[in-house]
Amino acid sequence: MTTALRAMTQLSSWPDLAEAPPSCGTGRALRSAGAEIAHFHSDHSVDLHLTARAIRRFQDELKNSTAVRLDPDSDWVTIHLDCDSDIDLLLTLASVALQVHQEQPDPDGAKSGCCNGR
């Protein structure tokens, strides 16, 4: 089982997430009631809809992680999944993403644009 599949299996068991078609049309996605949260594009990569606000809040920590790639024009971060600690990082950041989306729901679902896997 790949790291991405293990991560998706864990996240899809969360009650606030459900599998859905990705808006970008590639791979598999998980969404909450108000927004797409994660796009799994490969066996070792996931884009997470963290939001600009959360990225700014954790920017220093995210920049220091070798598993995270930031795109300055995106509300999504890409997480490279090589090992269990990368999955743990994804789960932690997915929890943050869910909290942010629940506090400030996006009425358009995902108006912040497409994931980084464009």
N, C-alpha and C. Protein backbone atom coordinates (compact mmCIF):
# COMPACT_ATOMS: atom_id res chain seq x y z
N MET A 1 0.86 -1.18 0.00
CA MET A 1 0.00 0.00 0.00
C MET A 1 0.91 1.25 0.00
N THR A 2 0.63 2.19 -0.88
CA THR A 2 1.45 3.40 -0.96
C THR A 2 1.16 4.33 0.22
N THR A 3 2.08 5.27 0.44
CA THR A 3 1.86 6.22 1.53
C THR A 3 0.62 7.07 1.28
N ALA A 4 0.40 7.46 0.04
CA ALA A 4 -0.79 8.27 -0.26
C ALA A 4 -2.07 7.49 -0.01
N LEU A 5 -2.09 6.23 -0.38
CA LEU A 5 -3.28 5.41 -0.15
C LEU A 5 -3.51 5.19 1.35
N ARG A 6 -2.43 4.97 2.10
CA ARG A 6 -2.58 4.85 3.56
C ARG A 6 -3.14 6.13 4.16
N ALA A 7 -2.63 7.28 3.70
CA ALA A 7 -3.11 8.57 4.21
C ALA A 7 -4.57 8.79 3.83
N MET A 8 -4.91 8.48 2.59
CA MET A 8 -6.30 8.68 2.15
C MET A 8 -7.24 7.77 2.94
N THR A 9 -6.83 6.56 3.20
CA THR A 9 -7.66 5.63 3.98
C THR A 9 -7.91 6.19 5.38
N GLN A 10 -6.87 6.72 6.00
CA GLN A 10 -7.04 7.30 7.33
C GLN A 10 -7.96 8.52 7.29
N LEU A 11 -7.71 9.43 6.34
CA LEU A 11 -8.52 10.65 6.27
C LEU A 11 -9.97 10.36 5.89
N SER A 12 -10.19 9.40 5.02
CA SER A 12 -11.57 9.12 4.59
C SER A 12 -12.40 8.49 5.72
N SER A 13 -11.73 8.04 6.79
CA SER A 13 -12.48 7.52 7.94
C SER A 13 -12.96 8.63 8.86
N TRP A 14 -12.47 9.86 8.65
CA TRP A 14 -12.91 10.98 9.47
C TRP A 14 -14.35 11.32 9.12
N PRO A 15 -15.19 11.58 10.13
CA PRO A 15 -16.62 11.83 9.86
C PRO A 15 -16.88 13.11 9.05
N ASP A 16 -15.98 14.07 9.06
CA ASP A 16 -16.20 15.33 8.35
C ASP A 16 -15.68 15.30 6.91
N LEU A 17 -15.12 14.17 6.48
CA LEU A 17 -14.57 14.09 5.13
C LEU A 17 -15.23 12.96 4.34
N ALA A 18 -15.42 13.22 3.05
CA ALA A 18 -15.99 12.20 2.16
C ALA A 18 -15.27 12.27 0.81
N GLU A 19 -15.14 11.13 0.17
CA GLU A 19 -14.51 11.10 -1.14
C GLU A 19 -15.44 11.76 -2.16
N ALA A 20 -14.83 12.51 -3.07
CA ALA A 20 -15.58 13.22 -4.11
C ALA A 20 -14.69 13.37 -5.33
N PRO A 21 -15.29 13.64 -6.49
CA PRO A 21 -14.45 13.88 -7.66
C PRO A 21 -13.66 15.18 -7.47
N PRO A 22 -12.37 15.19 -7.81
CA PRO A 22 -11.59 16.42 -7.66
C PRO A 22 -11.97 17.45 -8.71
N SER A 23 -12.01 18.70 -8.32
CA SER A 23 -12.38 19.76 -9.27
C SER A 23 -11.36 19.90 -10.40
N CYS A 24 -10.12 19.49 -10.14
CA CYS A 24 -9.08 19.57 -11.17
C CYS A 24 -9.19 18.42 -12.17
N GLY A 25 -9.97 17.39 -11.83
CA GLY A 25 -10.17 16.27 -12.73
C GLY A 25 -9.11 15.19 -12.66
N THR A 26 -8.14 15.31 -11.75
CA THR A 26 -7.06 14.34 -11.68
C THR A 26 -6.97 13.72 -10.30
N GLY A 27 -6.90 12.41 -10.23
CA GLY A 27 -6.71 11.72 -8.96
C GLY A 27 -7.99 11.54 -8.18
N ARG A 28 -7.86 11.57 -6.87
CA ARG A 28 -8.99 11.40 -5.95
C ARG A 28 -9.00 12.56 -4.98
N ALA A 29 -10.17 12.89 -4.47
CA ALA A 29 -10.29 14.04 -3.57
C ALA A 29 -11.12 13.67 -2.35
N LEU A 30 -10.86 14.44 -1.29
CA LEU A 30 -11.68 14.39 -0.09
C LEU A 30 -12.20 15.79 0.15
N ARG A 31 -13.47 15.87 0.54
CA ARG A 31 -14.05 17.18 0.81
C ARG A 31 -14.86 17.15 2.08
N SER A 32 -15.00 18.34 2.65
CA SER A 32 -15.88 18.52 3.80
C SER A 32 -17.20 19.05 3.25
N ALA A 33 -18.10 19.41 4.13
CA ALA A 33 -19.38 19.94 3.67
C ALA A 33 -19.21 21.24 2.91
N GLY A 34 -18.16 22.01 3.22
CA GLY A 34 -18.02 23.32 2.61
C GLY A 34 -16.92 23.51 1.61
N ALA A 35 -16.00 22.55 1.48
CA ALA A 35 -14.87 22.77 0.57
C ALA A 35 -14.12 21.48 0.29
N GLU A 36 -13.41 21.48 -0.83
CA GLU A 36 -12.47 20.40 -1.08
C GLU A 36 -11.31 20.59 -0.12
N ILE A 37 -10.84 19.50 0.45
CA ILE A 37 -9.77 19.56 1.45
C ILE A 37 -8.48 18.98 0.91
N ALA A 38 -8.54 17.85 0.23
CA ALA A 38 -7.32 17.18 -0.23
C ALA A 38 -7.52 16.58 -1.61
N HIS A 39 -6.45 16.67 -2.42
CA HIS A 39 -6.39 16.01 -3.72
C HIS A 39 -5.18 15.09 -3.73
N PHE A 40 -5.41 13.84 -3.97
CA PHE A 40 -4.35 12.85 -4.07
C PHE A 40 -4.05 12.63 -5.55
N HIS A 41 -2.88 13.09 -5.99
CA HIS A 41 -2.53 13.05 -7.41
C HIS A 41 -1.56 11.95 -7.78
N SER A 42 -0.85 11.40 -6.81
CA SER A 42 0.12 10.34 -7.11
C SER A 42 0.26 9.45 -5.88
N ASP A 43 1.13 8.46 -6.00
CA ASP A 43 1.36 7.54 -4.88
C ASP A 43 2.10 8.19 -3.72
N HIS A 44 2.66 9.38 -3.96
CA HIS A 44 3.47 10.01 -2.91
C HIS A 44 3.22 11.51 -2.78
N SER A 45 2.09 11.99 -3.26
CA SER A 45 1.86 13.43 -3.23
C SER A 45 0.38 13.74 -3.00
N VAL A 46 0.14 14.76 -2.18
CA VAL A 46 -1.22 15.22 -1.92
C VAL A 46 -1.21 16.74 -1.84
N ASP A 47 -2.22 17.35 -2.43
CA ASP A 47 -2.42 18.79 -2.28
C ASP A 47 -3.49 19.01 -1.22
N LEU A 48 -3.20 19.90 -0.29
CA LEU A 48 -4.10 20.16 0.83
C LEU A 48 -4.56 21.60 0.78
N HIS A 49 -5.87 21.82 0.84
CA HIS A 49 -6.46 23.15 0.79
C HIS A 49 -6.39 23.78 2.18
N LEU A 50 -5.24 24.31 2.49
CA LEU A 50 -4.97 24.83 3.82
C LEU A 50 -5.53 26.24 4.01
N THR A 51 -5.67 27.00 2.98
CA THR A 51 -6.14 28.39 2.91
C THR A 51 -4.99 29.37 3.15
N ALA A 52 -5.11 30.54 2.56
CA ALA A 52 -4.07 31.57 2.69
C ALA A 52 -3.86 31.97 4.14
N ARG A 53 -4.95 32.07 4.89
CA ARG A 53 -4.86 32.47 6.29
C ARG A 53 -4.04 31.47 7.11
N ALA A 54 -4.30 30.18 6.94
CA ALA A 54 -3.56 29.16 7.68
C ALA A 54 -2.11 29.07 7.21
N ILE A 55 -1.90 29.23 5.91
CA ILE A 55 -0.53 29.21 5.40
C ILE A 55 0.27 30.35 6.00
N ARG A 56 -0.31 31.54 6.06
CA ARG A 56 0.39 32.67 6.67
C ARG A 56 0.69 32.39 8.14
N ARG A 57 -0.25 31.81 8.84
CA ARG A 57 -0.10 31.54 10.26
C ARG A 57 1.05 30.55 10.53
N PHE A 58 1.20 29.56 9.68
CA PHE A 58 2.21 28.51 9.89
C PHE A 58 3.35 28.58 8.87
N GLN A 59 3.50 29.71 8.22
CA GLN A 59 4.44 29.84 7.11
C GLN A 59 5.87 29.43 7.48
N ASP A 60 6.39 29.88 8.58
CA ASP A 60 7.77 29.55 8.96
C ASP A 60 7.95 28.04 9.14
N GLU A 61 7.01 27.40 9.82
CA GLU A 61 7.10 25.96 10.04
C GLU A 61 6.95 25.21 8.72
N LEU A 62 6.04 25.65 7.86
CA LEU A 62 5.84 24.99 6.58
C LEU A 62 7.08 25.11 5.69
N LYS A 63 7.69 26.28 5.69
CA LYS A 63 8.89 26.49 4.87
C LYS A 63 10.05 25.62 5.34
N ASN A 64 10.10 25.30 6.62
CA ASN A 64 11.19 24.49 7.17
C ASN A 64 10.98 22.99 6.98
N SER A 65 9.81 22.58 6.54
CA SER A 65 9.54 21.16 6.34
C SER A 65 9.99 20.73 4.96
N THR A 66 10.76 19.67 4.91
CA THR A 66 11.21 19.15 3.61
C THR A 66 10.08 18.43 2.87
N ALA A 67 9.00 18.11 3.57
CA ALA A 67 7.88 17.42 2.94
C ALA A 67 6.86 18.36 2.31
N VAL A 68 6.96 19.66 2.60
CA VAL A 68 5.94 20.62 2.16
C VAL A 68 6.50 21.52 1.07
N ARG A 69 5.70 21.69 0.02
CA ARG A 69 6.03 22.65 -1.03
C ARG A 69 4.94 23.71 -1.05
N LEU A 70 5.37 24.97 -0.96
CA LEU A 70 4.44 26.09 -0.99
C LEU A 70 4.44 26.71 -2.38
N ASP A 71 3.27 27.08 -2.84
CA ASP A 71 3.12 27.83 -4.08
C ASP A 71 2.61 29.21 -3.66
N PRO A 72 3.36 30.28 -3.92
CA PRO A 72 2.98 31.60 -3.40
C PRO A 72 1.63 32.12 -3.91
N ASP A 73 1.13 31.56 -5.00
CA ASP A 73 -0.13 32.03 -5.56
C ASP A 73 -1.29 31.09 -5.27
N SER A 74 -1.13 30.23 -4.26
CA SER A 74 -2.14 29.20 -4.02
C SER A 74 -2.53 29.12 -2.55
N ASP A 75 -3.78 28.74 -2.32
CA ASP A 75 -4.28 28.45 -0.98
C ASP A 75 -4.05 26.98 -0.62
N TRP A 76 -3.38 26.25 -1.49
CA TRP A 76 -3.10 24.84 -1.32
C TRP A 76 -1.61 24.65 -1.07
N VAL A 77 -1.26 23.63 -0.30
CA VAL A 77 0.13 23.22 -0.13
C VAL A 77 0.26 21.79 -0.65
N THR A 78 1.42 21.45 -1.16
CA THR A 78 1.69 20.09 -1.62
C THR A 78 2.54 19.41 -0.57
N ILE A 79 2.13 18.21 -0.19
CA ILE A 79 2.87 17.44 0.80
C ILE A 79 3.37 16.16 0.12
N HIS A 80 4.68 15.98 0.16
CA HIS A 80 5.29 14.78 -0.39
C HIS A 80 5.30 13.72 0.71
N LEU A 81 4.72 12.57 0.41
CA LEU A 81 4.54 11.51 1.40
C LEU A 81 5.53 10.38 1.16
N ASP A 82 6.57 10.34 1.97
CA ASP A 82 7.57 9.27 1.87
C ASP A 82 7.51 8.28 3.02
N CYS A 83 7.05 8.75 4.19
CA CYS A 83 7.12 7.90 5.39
C CYS A 83 5.96 8.23 6.33
N ASP A 84 5.89 7.49 7.41
CA ASP A 84 4.79 7.67 8.37
C ASP A 84 4.76 9.08 8.97
N SER A 85 5.93 9.69 9.19
CA SER A 85 5.92 11.03 9.76
C SER A 85 5.34 12.05 8.77
N ASP A 86 5.47 11.80 7.48
CA ASP A 86 4.84 12.68 6.48
C ASP A 86 3.31 12.52 6.53
N ILE A 87 2.86 11.31 6.75
CA ILE A 87 1.41 11.08 6.90
C ILE A 87 0.92 11.78 8.16
N ASP A 88 1.67 11.69 9.24
CA ASP A 88 1.30 12.38 10.48
C ASP A 88 1.20 13.89 10.25
N LEU A 89 2.15 14.44 9.50
CA LEU A 89 2.11 15.87 9.18
C LEU A 89 0.86 16.20 8.38
N LEU A 90 0.54 15.38 7.38
CA LEU A 90 -0.67 15.59 6.59
C LEU A 90 -1.91 15.55 7.47
N LEU A 91 -2.00 14.58 8.36
CA LEU A 91 -3.18 14.48 9.23
C LEU A 91 -3.32 15.71 10.11
N THR A 92 -2.22 16.20 10.63
CA THR A 92 -2.25 17.40 11.46
C THR A 92 -2.71 18.60 10.65
N LEU A 93 -2.14 18.77 9.47
CA LEU A 93 -2.51 19.91 8.63
C LEU A 93 -3.93 19.78 8.09
N ALA A 94 -4.39 18.56 7.84
CA ALA A 94 -5.78 18.36 7.40
C ALA A 94 -6.75 18.77 8.51
N SER A 95 -6.38 18.50 9.75
CA SER A 95 -7.20 18.93 10.88
C SER A 95 -7.29 20.45 10.93
N VAL A 96 -6.16 21.11 10.70
CA VAL A 96 -6.14 22.58 10.66
C VAL A 96 -7.02 23.06 9.51
N ALA A 97 -6.88 22.44 8.34
CA ALA A 97 -7.67 22.85 7.17
C ALA A 97 -9.17 22.71 7.45
N LEU A 98 -9.57 21.61 8.04
CA LEU A 98 -10.99 21.42 8.38
C LEU A 98 -11.47 22.50 9.33
N GLN A 99 -10.68 22.80 10.34
CA GLN A 99 -11.06 23.81 11.32
C GLN A 99 -11.22 25.18 10.64
N VAL A 100 -10.27 25.54 9.81
CA VAL A 100 -10.34 26.84 9.12
C VAL A 100 -11.56 26.91 8.22
N HIS A 101 -11.84 25.85 7.49
CA HIS A 101 -13.00 25.85 6.59
C HIS A 101 -14.32 25.85 7.36
N GLN A 102 -14.34 25.26 8.54
CA GLN A 102 -15.56 25.27 9.35
C GLN A 102 -15.79 26.64 9.99
N GLU A 103 -14.69 27.32 10.35
CA GLU A 103 -14.81 28.65 10.96
C GLU A 103 -15.23 29.70 9.94
N GLN A 104 -14.71 29.59 8.75
CA GLN A 104 -15.02 30.55 7.69
C GLN A 104 -15.37 29.80 6.42
N PRO A 105 -16.59 29.28 6.33
CA PRO A 105 -16.97 28.51 5.15
C PRO A 105 -16.92 29.36 3.89
N ASP A 106 -16.55 28.72 2.82
CA ASP A 106 -16.50 29.35 1.50
C ASP A 106 -17.84 29.09 0.82
N PRO A 107 -18.67 30.12 0.59
CA PRO A 107 -19.99 29.89 0.02
C PRO A 107 -19.95 29.30 -1.39
N ASP A 108 -18.84 29.46 -2.09
CA ASP A 108 -18.71 28.91 -3.44
C ASP A 108 -18.04 27.55 -3.43
N GLY A 109 -17.73 26.99 -2.26
CA GLY A 109 -17.13 25.67 -2.18
C GLY A 109 -15.63 25.70 -2.25
N ALA A 110 -15.06 26.19 -3.34
CA ALA A 110 -13.60 26.22 -3.50
C ALA A 110 -13.19 27.39 -4.40
N LYS A 111 -13.67 28.57 -4.08
CA LYS A 111 -13.42 29.72 -4.95
C LYS A 111 -11.95 30.13 -5.00
N SER A 112 -11.13 29.55 -4.13
CA SER A 112 -9.73 29.92 -4.09
C SER A 112 -8.92 29.36 -5.26
N GLY A 113 -9.56 28.67 -6.16
CA GLY A 113 -8.86 28.17 -7.31
C GLY A 113 -8.51 26.72 -7.18
N CYS A 114 -7.84 26.26 -8.20
CA CYS A 114 -7.50 24.85 -8.28
C CYS A 114 -6.32 24.52 -7.40
N CYS A 115 -6.16 23.25 -7.14
CA CYS A 115 -5.04 22.76 -6.35
C CYS A 115 -3.72 23.00 -7.09
N ASN A 116 -2.64 22.62 -6.47
CA ASN A 116 -1.32 22.81 -7.08
C ASN A 116 -1.02 21.80 -8.18
N GLY A 117 -1.82 20.75 -8.28
CA GLY A 117 -1.60 19.72 -9.29
C GLY A 117 -2.11 20.08 -10.66
N ARG A 118 -2.63 21.25 -10.81
CA ARG A 118 -3.25 21.75 -12.02
C ARG A 118 -2.88 20.97 -13.22
